[in-house]
Amino acid sequence: MSKLECRELTKKYGSITALDHVNLTLDAGRIVGLLGPNGSGKTTMIKIACRLLQPTSGELLINGQRPGRASKASIAYLPDRDFLPDYMRVDQLVRYYADFFADFSKEHAHALLDSLGINERMLLKRLSKGNREKVQLVLTMSRQAEIYILDEPIAGVDPAARDFILRTIIGNYEKNALVLISTHLIADVEPLLDEIVFLKQGHIVRHGNAEQIRTETGRSIDELFREEFKC
C-alpha cells in the first residue's frame, strides 16, 4: 500500500523557510486536499516528493524510501502549468506517455479523449486552454499509479471544465492509490476530499478526516479555510 511520509521536513530558500520541520503521514486509498494560500509551502512539498527539489533537512519518504527512480515510476504528477511540448499532436502525446510509463493505458487515454470530443490529430498548441488542461489531466489519470499528485488541476479553467476535471479524477484513479490535490478552490474540490491538510507559512495548522472535521466544527472545509487564512 502506498504511503507518503514527511519527517521533520524542512526546506529553505536562503533566509526564507518554505517548510519548517513538517511531520505528516498520508496513506493509500485516500483523496487528500493539500490546502493553503500562496507561499504556504504546498508546491515545495510536491516538488520534493517528485524529486524536483531536495530538502534542506529532514526527509520525505515514498513507500518508505526517499524519492528516486522507483518513486518516479509510482507517482503520476500533474504540475500547475503547461508542461507538454505544444508542437506535438494529441495522439503523439499519447504514444509519448506510453513510451515513458509502463503503467500508462493508451486505450484508457483514447477513450477519455474521445468522450471529450478532442481531435487527436490536433496540435496541442491549437487547442483552447481548457482543452489543453484536459489533455494533460487525461494523460496523468491514464496511468495506473500508486500516488497521483495534482497541483492546481482546476485553476484557470471555466466551471464546466472544472466539473469534467473533478469527475475525471474521482472516476479514474486507482482505488488503492493516494491522491494528493493542491488547490485554492476549496469549495469545488471539497466533495471529493477524504482528508485535508492546511499548510500555513510552512507549518501544518490542521490535518484530519474531512467529514469528522465538518462534524466537530459544524462548518465546511471551505468556511474553515477562509477563517484560517483570512487577510
Protein backbone atom coordinates (compact mmCIF):
# COMPACT_ATOMS: atom_id res chain seq x y z
CA MET A 1 0.00 0.00 0.00
CA SER A 2 1.35 3.40 -0.98
CA LYS A 3 2.30 5.95 1.65
CA LEU A 4 3.82 9.45 1.74
CA GLU A 5 5.62 10.49 4.91
CA CYS A 6 7.30 13.73 5.97
CA ARG A 7 9.73 13.53 8.87
CA GLU A 8 10.90 16.91 10.17
CA LEU A 9 10.83 18.03 6.54
CA THR A 10 12.45 21.44 6.13
CA LYS A 11 13.18 23.47 3.01
CA LYS A 12 14.84 26.88 2.99
CA TYR A 13 15.48 29.26 0.13
CA GLY A 14 18.22 31.43 1.58
CA SER A 15 16.66 33.23 4.54
CA ILE A 16 13.13 32.13 3.60
CA THR A 17 11.76 28.94 5.19
CA ALA A 18 9.18 27.31 2.91
CA LEU A 19 8.69 24.16 5.04
CA ASP A 20 9.55 24.12 8.74
CA HIS A 21 10.00 20.69 10.38
CA VAL A 22 6.84 19.22 8.85
CA ASN A 23 5.67 15.80 10.09
CA LEU A 24 2.90 14.17 8.08
CA THR A 25 1.71 10.70 7.06
CA LEU A 26 -0.70 10.14 4.16
CA ASP A 27 -1.96 6.64 3.40
CA ALA A 28 -3.29 4.88 0.32
CA GLY A 29 -6.94 4.81 -0.64
CA ARG A 30 -7.50 8.47 0.28
CA ILE A 31 -8.11 11.68 -1.65
CA VAL A 32 -6.26 14.36 0.31
CA GLY A 33 -6.53 18.13 -0.10
CA LEU A 34 -3.24 19.97 0.44
CA LEU A 35 -4.64 23.42 1.12
CA GLY A 36 -3.12 26.80 1.82
CA PRO A 37 -2.52 30.26 0.31
CA ASN A 38 0.36 31.18 -1.99
CA GLY A 39 3.67 30.85 -0.19
CA SER A 40 2.42 28.26 2.30
CA GLY A 41 4.79 25.53 1.06
CA LYS A 42 2.40 23.34 -0.94
CA THR A 43 4.30 23.31 -4.23
CA THR A 44 7.62 22.98 -2.42
CA MET A 45 6.40 19.81 -0.71
CA ILE A 46 5.10 18.45 -4.01
CA LYS A 47 8.36 19.14 -5.80
CA ILE A 48 10.34 17.38 -3.07
CA ALA A 49 8.02 14.37 -3.41
CA CYS A 50 8.65 14.36 -7.16
CA ARG A 51 12.42 14.79 -6.66
CA LEU A 52 12.46 18.18 -8.35
CA LEU A 53 13.83 19.73 -5.15
CA GLN A 54 15.96 18.44 -2.29
CA PRO A 55 15.07 19.16 1.35
CA THR A 56 17.36 21.32 3.45
CA SER A 57 16.92 18.87 6.33
CA GLY A 58 14.60 16.09 7.38
CA GLU A 59 13.15 13.79 4.77
CA LEU A 60 10.16 12.90 2.65
CA LEU A 61 9.57 9.19 2.01
CA ILE A 62 7.54 7.47 -0.67
CA ASN A 63 6.69 3.93 0.41
CA GLY A 64 9.50 4.11 2.97
CA GLN A 65 12.15 5.31 0.50
CA ARG A 66 13.50 8.71 -0.42
CA PRO A 67 12.32 9.98 -3.82
CA GLY A 68 14.26 8.38 -6.66
CA ARG A 69 13.82 6.25 -9.75
CA ALA A 70 11.39 3.85 -8.05
CA SER A 71 9.18 6.62 -6.70
CA LYS A 72 9.13 8.44 -10.04
CA ALA A 73 7.73 5.27 -11.60
CA SER A 74 4.96 5.09 -8.99
CA ILE A 75 3.92 8.79 -8.98
CA ALA A 76 1.65 10.37 -11.61
CA TYR A 77 2.37 14.11 -11.33
CA LEU A 78 0.33 16.95 -12.84
CA PRO A 79 2.20 20.27 -12.47
CA ASP A 80 0.49 23.62 -12.03
CA ARG A 81 1.46 24.86 -15.51
CA ASP A 82 1.65 23.71 -19.13
CA PHE A 83 4.43 21.16 -19.41
CA LEU A 84 3.84 19.20 -22.62
CA PRO A 85 5.57 20.07 -25.92
CA ASP A 86 2.91 22.06 -27.75
CA TYR A 87 4.29 21.26 -31.21
CA MET A 88 3.11 17.64 -30.84
CA ARG A 89 -0.28 16.26 -31.81
CA VAL A 90 -2.50 14.80 -29.12
CA ASP A 91 -2.11 11.25 -30.48
CA GLN A 92 1.67 11.69 -30.46
CA LEU A 93 1.49 12.73 -26.81
CA VAL A 94 -0.43 9.54 -26.00
CA ARG A 95 2.35 7.46 -27.59
CA TYR A 96 4.95 9.65 -25.84
CA TYR A 97 3.45 8.82 -22.43
CA ALA A 98 3.16 5.14 -23.32
CA ASP A 99 6.90 5.10 -24.12
CA PHE A 100 7.80 6.70 -20.79
CA PHE A 101 5.44 4.97 -18.35
CA ALA A 102 4.93 1.22 -18.17
CA ASP A 103 1.66 1.72 -16.26
CA PHE A 104 0.12 4.01 -18.91
CA SER A 105 -3.02 2.77 -20.70
CA LYS A 106 -3.32 4.08 -24.26
CA GLU A 107 -6.79 2.54 -24.53
CA HIS A 108 -7.96 4.43 -21.45
CA ALA A 109 -6.49 7.71 -22.73
CA HIS A 110 -8.10 7.31 -26.16
CA ALA A 111 -11.48 6.57 -24.55
CA LEU A 112 -11.33 9.66 -22.32
CA LEU A 113 -10.20 11.91 -25.19
CA ASP A 114 -12.99 10.56 -27.39
CA SER A 115 -15.55 11.25 -24.64
CA LEU A 116 -14.34 14.86 -24.65
CA GLY A 117 -14.61 15.18 -28.42
CA ILE A 118 -10.94 16.15 -28.67
CA ASN A 119 -9.47 15.59 -32.13
CA GLU A 120 -6.28 13.63 -31.50
CA ARG A 121 -4.81 14.83 -34.81
CA MET A 122 -4.77 18.40 -33.49
CA LEU A 123 -1.56 20.05 -32.38
CA LEU A 124 -1.62 20.78 -28.65
CA LYS A 125 -0.93 24.47 -29.29
CA ARG A 126 -4.09 24.69 -31.45
CA LEU A 127 -6.32 23.64 -28.57
CA SER A 128 -8.03 26.04 -26.18
CA LYS A 129 -6.57 26.47 -22.70
CA GLY A 130 -9.35 24.38 -21.21
CA ASN A 131 -8.78 21.53 -23.67
CA ARG A 132 -5.01 21.62 -23.10
CA GLU A 133 -5.71 21.28 -19.37
CA LYS A 134 -7.98 18.33 -20.09
CA VAL A 135 -5.38 16.59 -22.27
CA GLN A 136 -2.76 16.95 -19.53
CA LEU A 137 -5.16 15.56 -16.94
CA VAL A 138 -6.21 12.65 -19.19
CA LEU A 139 -2.58 11.66 -19.69
CA THR A 140 -1.90 11.84 -15.95
CA MET A 141 -5.01 9.90 -14.95
CA SER A 142 -4.47 7.22 -17.61
CA ARG A 143 -1.63 5.84 -15.55
CA GLN A 144 -2.24 3.07 -13.02
CA ALA A 145 -0.12 4.84 -10.45
CA GLU A 146 0.28 4.31 -6.72
CA ILE A 147 0.26 8.04 -5.99
CA TYR A 148 -1.36 10.84 -8.00
CA ILE A 149 -0.12 14.37 -7.23
CA LEU A 150 -2.21 17.11 -8.82
CA ASP A 151 -1.01 20.70 -8.37
CA GLU A 152 -3.84 23.19 -9.05
CA PRO A 153 -5.66 20.90 -11.52
CA ILE A 154 -8.69 23.21 -11.88
CA ALA A 155 -7.07 26.65 -11.79
CA GLY A 156 -7.70 28.90 -14.77
CA VAL A 157 -10.44 26.84 -16.43
CA ASP A 158 -14.16 27.55 -16.74
CA PRO A 159 -16.72 25.94 -14.39
CA ALA A 160 -17.79 23.34 -16.98
CA ALA A 161 -14.16 22.27 -17.44
CA ARG A 162 -13.75 22.12 -13.66
CA ASP A 163 -16.69 19.75 -13.41
CA PHE A 164 -15.18 17.46 -16.04
CA ILE A 165 -11.76 17.51 -14.38
CA LEU A 166 -13.22 16.63 -10.98
CA ARG A 167 -15.33 13.83 -12.48
CA THR A 168 -12.25 12.51 -14.26
CA ILE A 169 -10.24 12.49 -11.04
CA ILE A 170 -12.89 10.72 -8.98
CA GLY A 171 -13.72 8.21 -11.71
CA ASN A 172 -10.29 7.22 -12.94
CA TYR A 173 -7.77 6.92 -10.14
CA GLU A 174 -6.68 3.53 -8.84
CA LYS A 175 -8.80 2.86 -5.74
CA ASN A 176 -5.81 1.69 -3.69
CA ALA A 177 -3.84 4.79 -4.63
CA LEU A 178 -3.18 8.01 -2.74
CA VAL A 179 -4.46 11.14 -4.50
CA LEU A 180 -2.97 14.45 -3.32
CA ILE A 181 -4.68 17.58 -4.67
CA SER A 182 -3.24 21.04 -4.10
CA THR A 183 -5.68 23.87 -4.82
CA HIS A 184 -7.06 27.24 -3.75
CA LEU A 185 -10.56 26.39 -5.00
CA ILE A 186 -11.73 24.63 -1.87
CA ALA A 187 -15.48 24.69 -2.49
CA ASP A 188 -15.03 22.95 -5.85
CA VAL A 189 -12.90 20.07 -4.56
CA GLU A 190 -14.39 19.68 -1.07
CA PRO A 191 -16.93 16.98 -2.09
CA LEU A 192 -14.03 14.78 -3.27
CA LEU A 193 -11.86 15.01 -0.20
CA ASP A 194 -11.46 12.26 2.39
CA GLU A 195 -8.76 14.14 4.28
CA ILE A 196 -7.40 17.69 4.45
CA VAL A 197 -4.06 19.28 5.32
CA PHE A 198 -3.90 23.04 5.96
CA LEU A 199 -0.43 24.48 5.40
CA LYS A 200 0.40 27.97 6.66
CA GLN A 201 3.85 29.54 6.38
CA GLY A 202 5.48 26.13 6.17
CA HIS A 203 3.61 24.60 9.14
CA ILE A 204 0.67 22.19 9.30
CA VAL A 205 -2.10 24.00 11.19
CA ARG A 206 -4.85 21.43 10.61
CA HIS A 207 -4.88 17.80 9.44
CA GLY A 208 -7.61 15.21 9.65
CA ASN A 209 -10.59 13.40 8.22
CA ALA A 210 -12.71 15.89 6.26
CA GLU A 211 -16.09 14.54 7.40
CA GLN A 212 -15.01 14.33 11.02
CA ILE A 213 -13.76 17.92 10.93
CA ARG A 214 -17.07 19.11 9.46
CA THR A 215 -19.00 17.22 12.14
CA GLU A 216 -16.87 18.50 15.02
CA THR A 217 -16.84 22.14 13.87
CA GLY A 218 -20.27 22.34 12.22
CA ARG A 219 -18.61 24.12 9.32
CA SER A 220 -17.49 23.28 5.81
CA ILE A 221 -13.83 22.91 4.90
CA ASP A 222 -14.21 25.99 2.72
CA GLU A 223 -15.51 28.04 5.68
CA LEU A 224 -12.68 26.83 7.91
CA PHE A 225 -10.15 27.65 5.20
CA ARG A 226 -11.48 31.18 4.79
CA GLU A 227 -11.33 31.74 8.55
CA GLU A 228 -7.83 30.30 8.96
CA PHE A 229 -6.31 32.19 6.05
CA LYS A 230 -8.29 35.44 6.07
CA CYS A 231 -6.29 38.54 5.24
